[in-house]
Amino acid sequence: MIDLLQLNNLSVGYTNGKNKTIVVADISLSLPRGCVVSLLGANGAGKSTLLRTIAGAQPAISGEVKIAGELIGRLSRHEMARLISVVTTDRTNAGGLTVEELVALGRQPYTGFLGRLDANDRKMVRDAIESVGITHKLHSFVAELSDGERQKAMIAKALAQNAPIILLDEPTSFLDVASRVDVLQLLHHLARCENKAILLSSHDVALSLAMSDRLWMLVGDSKLIDGQTEDIVLQGKLNHLFSTDNVTFDALSGEFVAKTDHNKKAYNIKGCDATRCRWIANALRRNGFVVSDDAKDTIDADKIDSVEILLSQIL
């Protein structure tokens, strides 16, 4: 069975005359069906460039992108629209359209030249709008929407397009925490229940770790690390994500934290209340202390009523 999306010895970047700048080099990967993959990397690592190249909006430096076994250069725009839907963070010039009209544009690959919607098209548009939680904005103009609502409308347009591959560039960047979780849960449902291949770039590492099946992680030297999310965490590869000595990945909490000052005292935190232990450790690390099971000095978290008082005693 041919993978839906294949990247073969792909290098992406920019050309300026005879000069070439490569930001991601020589990657060979496939995007699995039924799977949500998060593309992680520092600013400027090449996340958007890679997505644009996969979508056919930017030429590759070298190598190839294949969709359903065909090179993307051999697919017409109409064929591409039936295979890939794309959501970007770019502001759309669609302020004069209602949400329903904007989302209906996602049905263009199926409606023909005149763009007439039949009953099935209208149902898919309404279902897409409902799935992202903005049914109450159905007849509102796009210009009247908040940034978060506009982003949800663009995601709904991609869903209405009903392509087997969905590419999203920072899809949760304008959303509040609850909406971010809702969107990622929706994408995971689509991947699992409709066998779609979903690739999204993100700066929200914690949410990506919680909701993504695999990670494509852009690291230094134009390299990309691919793997099951939990394997990448357990193998300590998250520490390659940012080229800085100031932060480190804490595998226990699943978050990047400031590196501790090893000249300060180390504490071992014990207690039956795991939540209390977690947040006492957070306060200690923020103030430069080391938290380690091997430390000689122990803090009994169950006896701590106020973290503020604890800090005043040890600082």
C-alpha atoms as a PDB file:
ATOM      1  CA  MET A   1       0.000   0.000   0.000  1.00  0.00           C
ATOM      2  CA  ILE A   2       1.458   3.380  -1.042  1.00  0.00           C
ATOM      3  CA  ASP A   3       1.789   5.940   1.756  1.00  0.00           C
ATOM      4  CA  LEU A   4      -0.497   8.902   1.213  1.00  0.00           C
ATOM      5  CA  LEU A   5       2.331  11.426   1.625  1.00  0.00           C
ATOM      6  CA  GLN A   6       6.001  10.637   1.035  1.00  0.00           C
ATOM      7  CA  LEU A   7       9.056  12.884   1.378  1.00  0.00           C
ATOM      8  CA  ASN A   8      12.094  11.453  -0.389  1.00  0.00           C
ATOM      9  CA  ASN A   9      15.543  13.002   0.254  1.00  0.00           C
ATOM     10  CA  LEU A  10      13.761  16.339   0.586  1.00  0.00           C
ATOM     11  CA  SER A  11      15.668  19.552   1.299  1.00  0.00           C
ATOM     12  CA  VAL A  12      13.744  22.803   1.717  1.00  0.00           C
ATOM     13  CA  GLY A  13      14.745  26.437   1.947  1.00  0.00           C
ATOM     14  CA  TYR A  14      15.192  29.483  -0.256  1.00  0.00           C
ATOM     15  CA  THR A  15      17.032  30.422  -3.420  1.00  0.00           C
ATOM     16  CA  ASN A  16      18.345  33.865  -4.289  1.00  0.00           C
ATOM     17  CA  GLY A  17      19.878  33.736  -7.713  1.00  0.00           C
ATOM     18  CA  LYS A  18      22.568  31.087  -7.526  1.00  0.00           C
ATOM     19  CA  ASN A  19      22.618  31.146  -3.722  1.00  0.00           C
ATOM     20  CA  LYS A  20      20.669  28.506  -1.813  1.00  0.00           C
ATOM     21  CA  THR A  21      19.771  28.569   1.879  1.00  0.00           C
ATOM     22  CA  ILE A  22      18.746  25.162   3.189  1.00  0.00           C
ATOM     23  CA  VAL A  23      16.741  25.117   6.424  1.00  0.00           C
ATOM     24  CA  VAL A  24      15.777  21.421   6.471  1.00  0.00           C
ATOM     25  CA  ALA A  25      18.064  18.948   4.719  1.00  0.00           C
ATOM     26  CA  ASP A  26      17.703  15.501   3.173  1.00  0.00           C
ATOM     27  CA  ILE A  27      14.663  14.116   4.971  1.00  0.00           C
ATOM     28  CA  SER A  28      12.868  10.934   3.964  1.00  0.00           C
ATOM     29  CA  LEU A  29       9.585  10.436   5.797  1.00  0.00           C
ATOM     30  CA  SER A  30       5.972   9.484   5.305  1.00  0.00           C
ATOM     31  CA  LEU A  31       2.899  10.999   6.941  1.00  0.00           C
ATOM     32  CA  PRO A  32       0.837   8.132   8.362  1.00  0.00           C
ATOM     33  CA  ARG A  33      -2.915   7.849   7.917  1.00  0.00           C
ATOM     34  CA  GLY A  34      -4.968   7.922  11.098  1.00  0.00           C
ATOM     35  CA  CYS A  35      -2.288   9.909  12.872  1.00  0.00           C
ATOM     36  CA  VAL A  36      -1.730  13.442  14.237  1.00  0.00           C
ATOM     37  CA  VAL A  37       1.880  14.566  13.803  1.00  0.00           C
ATOM     38  CA  SER A  38       3.175  17.739  15.450  1.00  0.00           C
ATOM     39  CA  LEU A  39       6.025  19.622  13.792  1.00  0.00           C
ATOM     40  CA  LEU A  40       8.121  21.270  16.510  1.00  0.00           C
ATOM     41  CA  GLY A  41      11.064  23.622  16.254  1.00  0.00           C
ATOM     42  CA  ALA A  42      12.451  26.930  17.409  1.00  0.00           C
ATOM     43  CA  ASN A  43      11.589  30.146  15.587  1.00  0.00           C
ATOM     44  CA  GLY A  44      13.275  30.142  12.188  1.00  0.00           C
ATOM     45  CA  ALA A  45      13.890  26.402  12.229  1.00  0.00           C
ATOM     46  CA  GLY A  46      11.884  25.956   9.023  1.00  0.00           C
ATOM     47  CA  LYS A  47       8.450  24.724  10.125  1.00  0.00           C
ATOM     48  CA  SER A  48       6.437  26.989   7.816  1.00  0.00           C
ATOM     49  CA  THR A  49       8.894  26.485   4.964  1.00  0.00           C
ATOM     50  CA  LEU A  50       8.533  22.711   5.204  1.00  0.00           C
ATOM     51  CA  LEU A  51       4.735  22.929   5.297  1.00  0.00           C
ATOM     52  CA  ARG A  52       4.633  25.261   2.281  1.00  0.00           C
ATOM     53  CA  THR A  53       6.897  22.911   0.330  1.00  0.00           C
ATOM     54  CA  ILE A  54       4.754  19.877   1.161  1.00  0.00           C
ATOM     55  CA  ALA A  55       1.650  21.807   0.083  1.00  0.00           C
ATOM     56  CA  GLY A  56       3.260  22.720  -3.250  1.00  0.00           C
ATOM     57  CA  ALA A  57       3.284  26.438  -2.503  1.00  0.00           C
ATOM     58  CA  GLN A  58       7.080  26.612  -2.545  1.00  0.00           C
ATOM     59  CA  PRO A  59       9.568  24.592  -4.634  1.00  0.00           C
ATOM     60  CA  ALA A  60      11.915  22.173  -2.927  1.00  0.00           C
ATOM     61  CA  ILE A  61      15.673  22.759  -3.026  1.00  0.00           C
ATOM     62  CA  SER A  62      16.104  19.080  -3.862  1.00  0.00           C
ATOM     63  CA  GLY A  63      14.334  15.753  -3.422  1.00  0.00           C
ATOM     64  CA  GLU A  64      10.650  15.089  -3.942  1.00  0.00           C
ATOM     65  CA  VAL A  65       7.209  15.201  -2.403  1.00  0.00           C
ATOM     66  CA  LYS A  66       4.747  12.521  -3.472  1.00  0.00           C
ATOM     67  CA  ILE A  67       1.033  12.355  -2.769  1.00  0.00           C
ATOM     68  CA  ALA A  68      -0.685   9.041  -3.398  1.00  0.00           C
ATOM     69  CA  GLY A  69       2.409   7.999  -5.333  1.00  0.00           C
ATOM     70  CA  GLU A  70       2.422  11.050  -7.649  1.00  0.00           C
ATOM     71  CA  LEU A  71       4.938  13.883  -7.644  1.00  0.00           C
ATOM     72  CA  ILE A  72       3.138  17.056  -6.582  1.00  0.00           C
ATOM     73  CA  GLY A  73       4.452  18.855  -9.675  1.00  0.00           C
ATOM     74  CA  ARG A  74       2.413  16.505 -11.833  1.00  0.00           C
ATOM     75  CA  LEU A  75      -0.846  17.130  -9.978  1.00  0.00           C
ATOM     76  CA  SER A  76      -3.203  19.888 -11.086  1.00  0.00           C
ATOM     77  CA  ARG A  77      -4.399  22.512  -8.606  1.00  0.00           C
ATOM     78  CA  HIS A  78      -7.811  20.853  -8.690  1.00  0.00           C
ATOM     79  CA  GLU A  79      -6.303  17.463  -7.868  1.00  0.00           C
ATOM     80  CA  MET A  80      -4.188  18.979  -5.102  1.00  0.00           C
ATOM     81  CA  ALA A  81      -7.248  20.641  -3.572  1.00  0.00           C
ATOM     82  CA  ARG A  82      -8.935  17.258  -3.287  1.00  0.00           C
ATOM     83  CA  LEU A  83      -5.895  15.765  -1.584  1.00  0.00           C
ATOM     84  CA  ILE A  84      -4.573  18.488   0.758  1.00  0.00           C
ATOM     85  CA  SER A  85      -6.320  21.170   2.778  1.00  0.00           C
ATOM     86  CA  VAL A  86      -4.146  23.861   4.368  1.00  0.00           C
ATOM     87  CA  VAL A  87      -4.711  26.199   7.303  1.00  0.00           C
ATOM     88  CA  THR A  88      -2.246  29.056   7.796  1.00  0.00           C
ATOM     89  CA  THR A  89      -2.011  31.926  10.259  1.00  0.00           C
ATOM     90  CA  ASP A  90      -2.134  34.476   7.426  1.00  0.00           C
ATOM     91  CA  ARG A  91      -5.063  36.860   7.652  1.00  0.00           C
ATOM     92  CA  THR A  92      -7.616  36.121   4.970  1.00  0.00           C
ATOM     93  CA  ASN A  93      -9.088  38.948   2.856  1.00  0.00           C
ATOM     94  CA  ALA A  94     -12.594  37.623   3.346  1.00  0.00           C
ATOM     95  CA  GLY A  95     -14.040  40.166   5.748  1.00  0.00           C
ATOM     96  CA  GLY A  96     -17.097  40.706   3.536  1.00  0.00           C
ATOM     97  CA  LEU A  97     -18.077  37.023   3.629  1.00  0.00           C
ATOM     98  CA  THR A  98     -20.149  35.411   6.317  1.00  0.00           C
ATOM     99  CA  VAL A  99     -18.707  32.463   8.207  1.00  0.00           C
ATOM    100  CA  GLU A 100     -21.000  30.135   6.277  1.00  0.00           C
ATOM    101  CA  GLU A 101     -19.852  31.586   2.944  1.00  0.00           C
ATOM    102  CA  LEU A 102     -16.185  31.350   3.915  1.00  0.00           C
ATOM    103  CA  VAL A 103     -16.442  27.728   5.004  1.00  0.00           C
ATOM    104  CA  ALA A 104     -18.431  26.902   1.854  1.00  0.00           C
ATOM    105  CA  LEU A 105     -15.344  27.861  -0.191  1.00  0.00           C
ATOM    106  CA  GLY A 106     -13.869  24.641   1.073  1.00  0.00           C
ATOM    107  CA  ARG A 107     -16.323  22.766  -1.151  1.00  0.00           C
ATOM    108  CA  GLN A 108     -14.992  24.361  -4.373  1.00  0.00           C
ATOM    109  CA  PRO A 109     -13.010  21.268  -5.453  1.00  0.00           C
ATOM    110  CA  TYR A 110     -16.326  19.409  -5.680  1.00  0.00           C
ATOM    111  CA  THR A 111     -18.872  22.002  -6.818  1.00  0.00           C
ATOM    112  CA  GLY A 112     -17.688  22.723 -10.335  1.00  0.00           C
ATOM    113  CA  PHE A 113     -17.120  26.047 -12.087  1.00  0.00           C
ATOM    114  CA  LEU A 114     -20.325  27.722 -10.850  1.00  0.00           C
ATOM    115  CA  GLY A 115     -19.744  26.692  -7.249  1.00  0.00           C
ATOM    116  CA  ARG A 116     -23.318  25.653  -6.585  1.00  0.00           C
ATOM    117  CA  LEU A 117     -23.814  23.764  -3.331  1.00  0.00           C
ATOM    118  CA  ASP A 118     -26.130  20.796  -3.155  1.00  0.00           C
ATOM    119  CA  ALA A 119     -27.746  19.459   0.019  1.00  0.00           C
ATOM    120  CA  ASN A 120     -24.721  17.302   0.847  1.00  0.00           C
ATOM    121  CA  ASP A 121     -22.339  20.260   0.441  1.00  0.00           C
ATOM    122  CA  ARG A 122     -24.447  22.423   2.741  1.00  0.00           C
ATOM    123  CA  LYS A 123     -24.544  19.669   5.346  1.00  0.00           C
ATOM    124  CA  MET A 124     -20.758  19.318   5.262  1.00  0.00           C
ATOM    125  CA  VAL A 125     -20.385  23.079   5.687  1.00  0.00           C
ATOM    126  CA  ARG A 126     -22.768  23.157   8.662  1.00  0.00           C
ATOM    127  CA  ASP A 127     -21.124  20.079  10.224  1.00  0.00           C
ATOM    128  CA  ALA A 128     -17.652  21.641   9.886  1.00  0.00           C
ATOM    129  CA  ILE A 129     -18.812  24.879  11.522  1.00  0.00           C
ATOM    130  CA  GLU A 130     -20.485  22.964  14.343  1.00  0.00           C
ATOM    131  CA  SER A 131     -17.402  20.800  14.922  1.00  0.00           C
ATOM    132  CA  VAL A 132     -15.224  23.848  15.704  1.00  0.00           C
ATOM    133  CA  GLY A 133     -17.866  25.383  17.948  1.00  0.00           C
ATOM    134  CA  ILE A 134     -18.879  28.556  16.085  1.00  0.00           C
ATOM    135  CA  THR A 135     -22.415  27.711  14.931  1.00  0.00           C
ATOM    136  CA  HIS A 136     -23.581  30.870  16.706  1.00  0.00           C
ATOM    137  CA  LYS A 137     -21.408  32.862  14.255  1.00  0.00           C
ATOM    138  CA  LEU A 138     -22.873  31.204  11.150  1.00  0.00           C
ATOM    139  CA  HIS A 139     -24.232  34.438   9.643  1.00  0.00           C
ATOM    140  CA  SER A 140     -21.629  36.809  11.110  1.00  0.00           C
ATOM    141  CA  PHE A 141     -19.191  38.525   8.785  1.00  0.00           C
ATOM    142  CA  VAL A 142     -15.597  37.363   9.016  1.00  0.00           C
ATOM    143  CA  ALA A 143     -14.560  40.985   9.682  1.00  0.00           C
ATOM    144  CA  GLU A 144     -16.614  40.868  12.894  1.00  0.00           C
ATOM    145  CA  LEU A 145     -14.840  37.816  14.310  1.00  0.00           C
ATOM    146  CA  SER A 146     -12.145  37.753  16.957  1.00  0.00           C
ATOM    147  CA  ASP A 147      -8.758  36.302  16.008  1.00  0.00           C
ATOM    148  CA  GLY A 148      -9.681  33.023  17.661  1.00  0.00           C
ATOM    149  CA  GLU A 149     -13.051  32.816  15.934  1.00  0.00           C
ATOM    150  CA  ARG A 150     -11.458  33.606  12.572  1.00  0.00           C
ATOM    151  CA  GLN A 151      -8.944  30.814  13.103  1.00  0.00           C
ATOM    152  CA  LYS A 152     -11.751  28.375  13.923  1.00  0.00           C
ATOM    153  CA  ALA A 153     -13.571  29.433  10.752  1.00  0.00           C
ATOM    154  CA  MET A 154     -10.460  28.703   8.678  1.00  0.00           C
ATOM    155  CA  ILE A 155     -10.132  25.293  10.302  1.00  0.00           C
ATOM    156  CA  ALA A 156     -13.805  24.634   9.505  1.00  0.00           C
ATOM    157  CA  LYS A 157     -13.137  25.575   5.863  1.00  0.00           C
ATOM    158  CA  ALA A 158     -10.332  22.986   5.760  1.00  0.00           C
ATOM    159  CA  LEU A 159     -12.635  20.370   7.283  1.00  0.00           C
ATOM    160  CA  ALA A 160     -15.350  21.126   4.733  1.00  0.00           C
ATOM    161  CA  GLN A 161     -12.781  20.538   1.995  1.00  0.00           C
ATOM    162  CA  ASN A 162     -12.721  16.905   3.155  1.00  0.00           C
ATOM    163  CA  ALA A 163      -9.191  16.177   1.913  1.00  0.00           C
ATOM    164  CA  PRO A 164      -7.356  13.108   3.251  1.00  0.00           C
ATOM    165  CA  ILE A 165      -4.335  15.251   4.235  1.00  0.00           C
ATOM    166  CA  ILE A 166      -4.664  18.300   6.481  1.00  0.00           C
ATOM    167  CA  LEU A 167      -1.712  20.657   7.002  1.00  0.00           C
ATOM    168  CA  LEU A 168      -2.003  23.325   9.688  1.00  0.00           C
ATOM    169  CA  ASP A 169       0.530  26.056  10.454  1.00  0.00           C
ATOM    170  CA  GLU A 170       0.161  27.077  14.111  1.00  0.00           C
ATOM    171  CA  PRO A 171      -3.596  26.290  14.166  1.00  0.00           C
ATOM    172  CA  THR A 172      -4.010  27.131  17.861  1.00  0.00           C
ATOM    173  CA  SER A 173      -1.936  30.329  17.942  1.00  0.00           C
ATOM    174  CA  PHE A 174      -4.913  32.675  18.484  1.00  0.00           C
ATOM    175  CA  LEU A 175      -6.993  30.353  20.665  1.00  0.00           C
ATOM    176  CA  ASP A 176      -7.477  30.252  24.427  1.00  0.00           C
ATOM    177  CA  VAL A 177      -6.424  27.146  26.357  1.00  0.00           C
ATOM    178  CA  ALA A 178      -9.817  25.432  26.236  1.00  0.00           C
ATOM    179  CA  SER A 179     -10.196  26.062  22.503  1.00  0.00           C
ATOM    180  CA  ARG A 180      -6.687  24.729  21.851  1.00  0.00           C
ATOM    181  CA  VAL A 181      -7.566  21.453  23.524  1.00  0.00           C
ATOM    182  CA  ASP A 182     -10.901  21.313  21.671  1.00  0.00           C
ATOM    183  CA  VAL A 183      -9.201  21.784  18.282  1.00  0.00           C
ATOM    184  CA  LEU A 184      -6.525  19.153  18.963  1.00  0.00           C
ATOM    185  CA  GLN A 185      -9.182  16.696  20.151  1.00  0.00           C
ATOM    186  CA  LEU A 186     -11.156  17.357  16.971  1.00  0.00           C
ATOM    187  CA  LEU A 187      -8.094  16.754  14.791  1.00  0.00           C
ATOM    188  CA  HIS A 188      -7.315  13.556  16.669  1.00  0.00           C
ATOM    189  CA  HIS A 189     -10.896  12.388  16.162  1.00  0.00           C
ATOM    190  CA  LEU A 190     -10.664  13.092  12.429  1.00  0.00           C
ATOM    191  CA  ALA A 191      -7.397  11.199  12.166  1.00  0.00           C
ATOM    192  CA  ARG A 192      -8.697   8.187  14.049  1.00  0.00           C
ATOM    193  CA  CYS A 193     -12.281   7.984  12.800  1.00  0.00           C
ATOM    194  CA  GLU A 194     -11.840   9.240   9.216  1.00  0.00           C
ATOM    195  CA  ASN A 195      -8.320   7.906   8.621  1.00  0.00           C
ATOM    196  CA  LYS A 196      -6.887  11.323   7.765  1.00  0.00           C
ATOM    197  CA  ALA A 197      -3.205  12.238   7.828  1.00  0.00           C
ATOM    198  CA  ILE A 198      -2.750  15.419   9.871  1.00  0.00           C
ATOM    199  CA  LEU A 199       0.430  17.467  10.212  1.00  0.00           C
ATOM    200  CA  LEU A 200       0.478  20.649  12.293  1.00  0.00           C
ATOM    201  CA  SER A 201       3.237  22.985  13.376  1.00  0.00           C
ATOM    202  CA  SER A 202       3.119  24.230  16.925  1.00  0.00           C
ATOM    203  CA  HIS A 203       4.971  26.154  19.613  1.00  0.00           C
ATOM    204  CA  ASP A 204       2.790  24.592  22.323  1.00  0.00           C
ATOM    205  CA  VAL A 205       5.091  21.725  23.258  1.00  0.00           C
ATOM    206  CA  ALA A 206       3.056  20.533  26.261  1.00  0.00           C
ATOM    207  CA  LEU A 207      -0.157  20.252  24.228  1.00  0.00           C
ATOM    208  CA  SER A 208       1.663  18.577  21.352  1.00  0.00           C
ATOM    209  CA  LEU A 209       3.100  15.983  23.731  1.00  0.00           C
ATOM    210  CA  ALA A 210      -0.339  15.294  25.160  1.00  0.00           C
ATOM    211  CA  MET A 211      -2.282  15.083  21.875  1.00  0.00           C
ATOM    212  CA  SER A 212       0.139  14.035  19.104  1.00  0.00           C
ATOM    213  CA  ASP A 213       0.834  10.470  17.993  1.00  0.00           C
ATOM    214  CA  ARG A 214       4.220  11.365  16.491  1.00  0.00           C
ATOM    215  CA  LEU A 215       6.618  14.283  16.495  1.00  0.00           C
ATOM    216  CA  TRP A 216       8.656  15.731  13.658  1.00  0.00           C
ATOM    217  CA  MET A 217      11.220  17.779  15.532  1.00  0.00           C
ATOM    218  CA  LEU A 218      13.464  20.278  13.754  1.00  0.00           C
ATOM    219  CA  VAL A 219      16.802  20.597  15.525  1.00  0.00           C
ATOM    220  CA  GLY A 220      20.164  22.167  14.724  1.00  0.00           C
ATOM    221  CA  ASP A 221      22.168  21.532  11.559  1.00  0.00           C
ATOM    222  CA  SER A 222      19.003  21.394   9.406  1.00  0.00           C
ATOM    223  CA  LYS A 223      18.076  17.988  10.839  1.00  0.00           C
ATOM    224  CA  LEU A 224      14.674  16.491  11.610  1.00  0.00           C
ATOM    225  CA  ILE A 225      13.983  13.886  14.292  1.00  0.00           C
ATOM    226  CA  ASP A 226      10.922  11.679  13.742  1.00  0.00           C
ATOM    227  CA  GLY A 227       9.418   9.296  16.271  1.00  0.00           C
ATOM    228  CA  GLN A 228       6.578   8.182  18.494  1.00  0.00           C
ATOM    229  CA  THR A 229       5.933  11.030  20.921  1.00  0.00           C
ATOM    230  CA  GLU A 230       6.636   9.071  24.077  1.00  0.00           C
ATOM    231  CA  ASP A 231       9.805   7.485  22.641  1.00  0.00           C
ATOM    232  CA  ILE A 232      11.237  10.922  21.841  1.00  0.00           C
ATOM    233  CA  VAL A 233      10.536  12.030  25.426  1.00  0.00           C
ATOM    234  CA  LEU A 234      11.949   8.903  27.069  1.00  0.00           C
ATOM    235  CA  GLN A 235      15.049   8.944  24.866  1.00  0.00           C
ATOM    236  CA  GLY A 236      15.864  12.481  26.028  1.00  0.00           C
ATOM    237  CA  LYS A 237      15.647  13.985  22.546  1.00  0.00           C
ATOM    238  CA  LEU A 238      13.481  16.957  23.572  1.00  0.00           C
ATOM    239  CA  ASN A 239      16.604  18.641  24.925  1.00  0.00           C
ATOM    240  CA  HIS A 240      17.790  19.056  21.314  1.00  0.00           C
ATOM    241  CA  LEU A 241      14.803  21.236  20.441  1.00  0.00           C
ATOM    242  CA  PHE A 242      16.250  24.576  21.585  1.00  0.00           C
ATOM    243  CA  SER A 243      19.885  25.601  21.224  1.00  0.00           C
ATOM    244  CA  THR A 244      20.178  27.291  24.602  1.00  0.00           C
ATOM    245  CA  ASP A 245      21.801  26.456  27.913  1.00  0.00           C
ATOM    246  CA  ASN A 246      19.079  28.223  29.891  1.00  0.00           C
ATOM    247  CA  VAL A 247      16.273  25.658  29.670  1.00  0.00           C
ATOM    248  CA  THR A 248      15.986  21.909  29.950  1.00  0.00           C
ATOM    249  CA  PHE A 249      13.160  19.468  29.345  1.00  0.00           C
ATOM    250  CA  ASP A 250      11.693  17.931  32.502  1.00  0.00           C
ATOM    251  CA  ALA A 251      10.375  14.520  31.430  1.00  0.00           C
ATOM    252  CA  LEU A 252       8.370  14.105  34.650  1.00  0.00           C
ATOM    253  CA  SER A 253       6.285  17.275  34.201  1.00  0.00           C
ATOM    254  CA  GLY A 254       6.410  17.241  30.373  1.00  0.00           C
ATOM    255  CA  GLU A 255       7.521  20.883  30.271  1.00  0.00           C
ATOM    256  CA  PHE A 256      10.594  22.953  29.526  1.00  0.00           C
ATOM    257  CA  VAL A 257      11.947  24.529  32.702  1.00  0.00           C
ATOM    258  CA  ALA A 258      14.743  26.916  33.587  1.00  0.00           C
ATOM    259  CA  LYS A 259      17.970  25.143  34.432  1.00  0.00           C
ATOM    260  CA  THR A 260      18.638  25.114  38.130  1.00  0.00           C
ATOM    261  CA  ASP A 261      21.601  26.705  39.862  1.00  0.00           C
ATOM    262  CA  HIS A 262      23.676  23.778  41.076  1.00  0.00           C
ATOM    263  CA  ASN A 263      25.399  26.068  43.559  1.00  0.00           C
ATOM    264  CA  LYS A 264      22.140  26.187  45.491  1.00  0.00           C
ATOM    265  CA  LYS A 265      20.892  23.524  47.845  1.00  0.00           C
ATOM    266  CA  ALA A 266      19.222  20.362  46.547  1.00  0.00           C
ATOM    267  CA  TYR A 267      15.984  19.045  48.018  1.00  0.00           C
ATOM    268  CA  ASN A 268      14.154  15.739  47.860  1.00  0.00           C
ATOM    269  CA  ILE A 269      10.379  16.281  47.987  1.00  0.00           C
ATOM    270  CA  LYS A 270       8.257  13.553  49.547  1.00  0.00           C
ATOM    271  CA  GLY A 271       4.533  13.330  50.208  1.00  0.00           C
ATOM    272  CA  CYS A 272       1.286  11.527  49.477  1.00  0.00           C
ATOM    273  CA  ASP A 273      -0.197  14.468  47.587  1.00  0.00           C
ATOM    274  CA  ALA A 274       1.406  14.306  44.122  1.00  0.00           C
ATOM    275  CA  THR A 275      -0.123  17.633  43.074  1.00  0.00           C
ATOM    276  CA  ARG A 276       1.333  19.391  46.111  1.00  0.00           C
ATOM    277  CA  CYS A 277       4.742  17.818  45.419  1.00  0.00           C
ATOM    278  CA  ARG A 278       4.575  18.936  41.788  1.00  0.00           C
ATOM    279  CA  TRP A 279       3.953  22.588  42.600  1.00  0.00           C
ATOM    280  CA  ILE A 280       6.392  22.804  45.484  1.00  0.00           C
ATOM    281  CA  ALA A 281       9.033  21.468  43.087  1.00  0.00           C
ATOM    282  CA  ASN A 282       7.943  24.089  40.548  1.00  0.00           C
ATOM    283  CA  ALA A 283       8.511  26.887  43.080  1.00  0.00           C
ATOM    284  CA  LEU A 284      11.917  25.545  44.098  1.00  0.00           C
ATOM    285  CA  ARG A 285      13.166  25.152  40.518  1.00  0.00           C
ATOM    286  CA  ARG A 286      11.953  28.644  39.610  1.00  0.00           C
ATOM    287  CA  ASN A 287      14.088  29.987  42.432  1.00  0.00           C
ATOM    288  CA  GLY A 288      17.176  28.092  41.306  1.00  0.00           C
ATOM    289  CA  PHE A 289      17.107  25.108  43.648  1.00  0.00           C
ATOM    290  CA  VAL A 290      17.777  21.535  42.542  1.00  0.00           C
ATOM    291  CA  VAL A 291      15.014  18.975  43.078  1.00  0.00           C
ATOM    292  CA  SER A 292      16.366  15.444  43.139  1.00  0.00           C
ATOM    293  CA  ASP A 293      15.449  12.080  44.641  1.00  0.00           C
ATOM    294  CA  ASP A 294      19.107  11.738  45.602  1.00  0.00           C
ATOM    295  CA  ALA A 295      19.202  14.921  47.704  1.00  0.00           C
ATOM    296  CA  LYS A 296      19.978  14.524  51.406  1.00  0.00           C
ATOM    297  CA  ASP A 297      17.602  17.259  52.566  1.00  0.00           C
ATOM    298  CA  THR A 298      13.933  16.301  52.382  1.00  0.00           C
ATOM    299  CA  ILE A 299      10.811  18.469  52.316  1.00  0.00           C
ATOM    300  CA  ASP A 300       7.633  16.764  53.515  1.00  0.00           C
ATOM    301  CA  ALA A 301       5.068  18.232  51.098  1.00  0.00           C
ATOM    302  CA  ASP A 302       2.129  17.029  53.197  1.00  0.00           C
ATOM    303  CA  LYS A 303       3.222  19.360  56.004  1.00  0.00           C
ATOM    304  CA  ILE A 304       3.550  22.456  53.804  1.00  0.00           C
ATOM    305  CA  ASP A 305       0.495  24.721  54.129  1.00  0.00           C
ATOM    306  CA  SER A 306       2.018  27.689  52.283  1.00  0.00           C
ATOM    307  CA  VAL A 307       4.663  27.605  49.578  1.00  0.00           C
ATOM    308  CA  GLU A 308       5.253  31.297  50.197  1.00  0.00           C
ATOM    309  CA  ILE A 309       6.249  30.623  53.804  1.00  0.00           C
ATOM    310  CA  LEU A 310       8.467  27.703  52.722  1.00  0.00           C
ATOM    311  CA  LEU A 311      10.339  29.908  50.286  1.00  0.00           C
ATOM    312  CA  SER A 312      10.799  32.647  52.890  1.00  0.00           C
ATOM    313  CA  GLN A 313      12.470  30.064  55.148  1.00  0.00           C
ATOM    314  CA  ILE A 314      14.923  28.653  52.630  1.00  0.00           C
ATOM    315  CA  LEU A 315      15.764  31.618  50.403  1.00  0.00           C
END
